[in-house]
Amino acid sequence: MRKGIVILLLIAAILTALGLAGCTSRRIIGADDHATRPIMNFQTYKTTHYIIFPGSAVHEFWMCEEKNDNISCERACDGKTDISCPTATMNVSSNVR
């Protein structure tokens, strides 16, 4: 009985690890440089693939600021700010200002 429970827990742990294992990549699809300030806007396409579960793709917008020798980037719109992300369909890109 005890050996059966251990085997079931081991199988559950392996299936959980396989379900969470995956690969994420980002591809820059657009970049704009501000004319007078050290600010850059980037558009990225984030793709996530999992071994068992279906993957996902997200069109992201980033605002980066250059300070001395460092570049600090944060999401420009993600539902946590009052700026709503533009939407796009199929291969039509969108732009954030």
Protein backbone atom coordinates (compact mmCIF):
# COMPACT_ATOMS: atom_id res chain seq x y z
CA MET A 1 0.00 0.00 0.00
CA ARG A 2 2.72 2.44 0.99
CA LYS A 3 4.77 1.58 -2.10
CA GLY A 4 1.72 2.27 -4.33
CA ILE A 5 1.24 5.74 -2.83
CA VAL A 6 4.91 6.56 -3.36
CA ILE A 7 4.68 5.46 -7.00
CA LEU A 8 1.52 7.56 -7.55
CA LEU A 9 3.20 10.61 -6.01
CA LEU A 10 6.26 10.07 -8.19
CA ILE A 11 4.11 9.82 -11.33
CA ALA A 12 2.20 12.98 -10.32
CA ALA A 13 5.48 14.84 -9.77
CA ILE A 14 6.83 13.75 -13.18
CA LEU A 15 3.61 14.80 -14.97
CA THR A 16 3.64 18.16 -13.17
CA ALA A 17 7.27 18.76 -14.15
CA LEU A 18 6.52 17.87 -17.78
CA GLY A 19 3.49 20.16 -17.79
CA LEU A 20 5.47 23.11 -16.46
CA ALA A 21 8.57 22.50 -18.57
CA GLY A 22 8.69 24.72 -21.57
CA CYS A 23 10.53 27.30 -23.57
CA THR A 24 9.90 31.05 -23.79
CA SER A 25 11.37 33.36 -26.40
CA ARG A 26 10.95 37.03 -27.29
CA ARG A 27 11.45 38.56 -30.70
CA ILE A 28 11.69 42.32 -31.24
CA ILE A 29 9.24 43.31 -33.97
CA GLY A 30 9.48 47.08 -33.66
CA ALA A 31 11.58 49.80 -32.06
CA ASP A 32 11.14 53.57 -31.81
CA ASP A 33 13.68 56.02 -30.43
CA HIS A 34 12.52 59.28 -28.83
CA ALA A 35 13.91 62.35 -30.61
CA THR A 36 14.90 64.40 -27.54
CA ARG A 37 14.76 62.13 -24.49
CA PRO A 38 16.73 58.94 -23.73
CA ILE A 39 13.63 56.75 -24.11
CA MET A 40 13.04 53.82 -26.46
CA ASN A 41 9.82 51.94 -27.18
CA PHE A 42 10.01 48.29 -28.18
CA GLN A 43 7.40 45.86 -29.42
CA THR A 44 8.13 42.21 -28.76
CA TYR A 45 6.40 38.99 -29.63
CA LYS A 46 6.63 36.54 -26.72
CA THR A 47 6.09 32.89 -27.57
CA THR A 48 5.82 30.16 -24.95
CA HIS A 49 5.82 26.45 -25.80
CA TYR A 50 5.11 23.68 -23.29
CA ILE A 51 5.73 19.95 -23.64
CA ILE A 52 2.18 18.90 -22.76
CA PHE A 53 -0.01 22.03 -22.67
CA PRO A 54 -0.71 24.30 -25.65
CA GLY A 55 1.58 27.29 -26.01
CA SER A 56 0.76 30.98 -26.06
CA ALA A 57 1.80 34.09 -27.95
CA VAL A 58 1.64 37.66 -26.62
CA HIS A 59 2.30 40.98 -28.34
CA GLU A 60 4.13 43.06 -25.69
CA PHE A 61 5.06 46.74 -25.49
CA TRP A 62 8.11 47.95 -23.53
CA MET A 63 9.40 51.39 -22.60
CA CYS A 64 13.12 51.59 -21.89
CA GLU A 65 14.99 54.49 -20.36
CA GLU A 66 18.73 55.01 -20.52
CA LYS A 67 20.36 56.18 -17.29
CA ASN A 68 24.14 56.53 -17.37
CA ASP A 69 25.41 53.13 -18.52
CA ASN A 70 22.21 51.24 -17.68
CA ILE A 71 19.04 50.64 -19.66
CA SER A 72 15.94 50.03 -17.57
CA CYS A 73 12.90 48.53 -19.31
CA GLU A 74 9.37 47.95 -18.07
CA ARG A 75 6.12 46.93 -19.70
CA ALA A 76 4.34 49.97 -21.12
CA CYS A 77 0.89 48.41 -20.82
CA ASP A 78 -0.11 45.24 -19.02
CA GLY A 79 -3.43 45.79 -17.28
CA LYS A 80 -1.68 47.14 -14.17
CA THR A 81 -1.43 50.63 -15.65
CA ASP A 82 -4.05 53.01 -17.00
CA ILE A 83 -2.62 52.59 -20.50
CA SER A 84 -4.41 49.94 -22.52
CA CYS A 85 -2.40 47.84 -24.93
CA PRO A 86 -3.23 48.18 -28.60
CA THR A 87 -4.56 45.03 -30.19
CA ALA A 88 -3.60 43.42 -33.46
CA THR A 89 -4.98 40.62 -35.58
CA MET A 90 -3.04 38.10 -37.63
CA ASN A 91 0.11 39.72 -39.05
CA VAL A 92 -1.04 43.34 -38.69
CA SER A 93 1.14 45.10 -36.13
CA SER A 94 0.01 47.79 -33.76
CA ASN A 95 1.86 50.75 -32.34
CA VAL A 96 1.94 52.36 -28.89
CA ARG A 97 2.70 56.02 -28.38
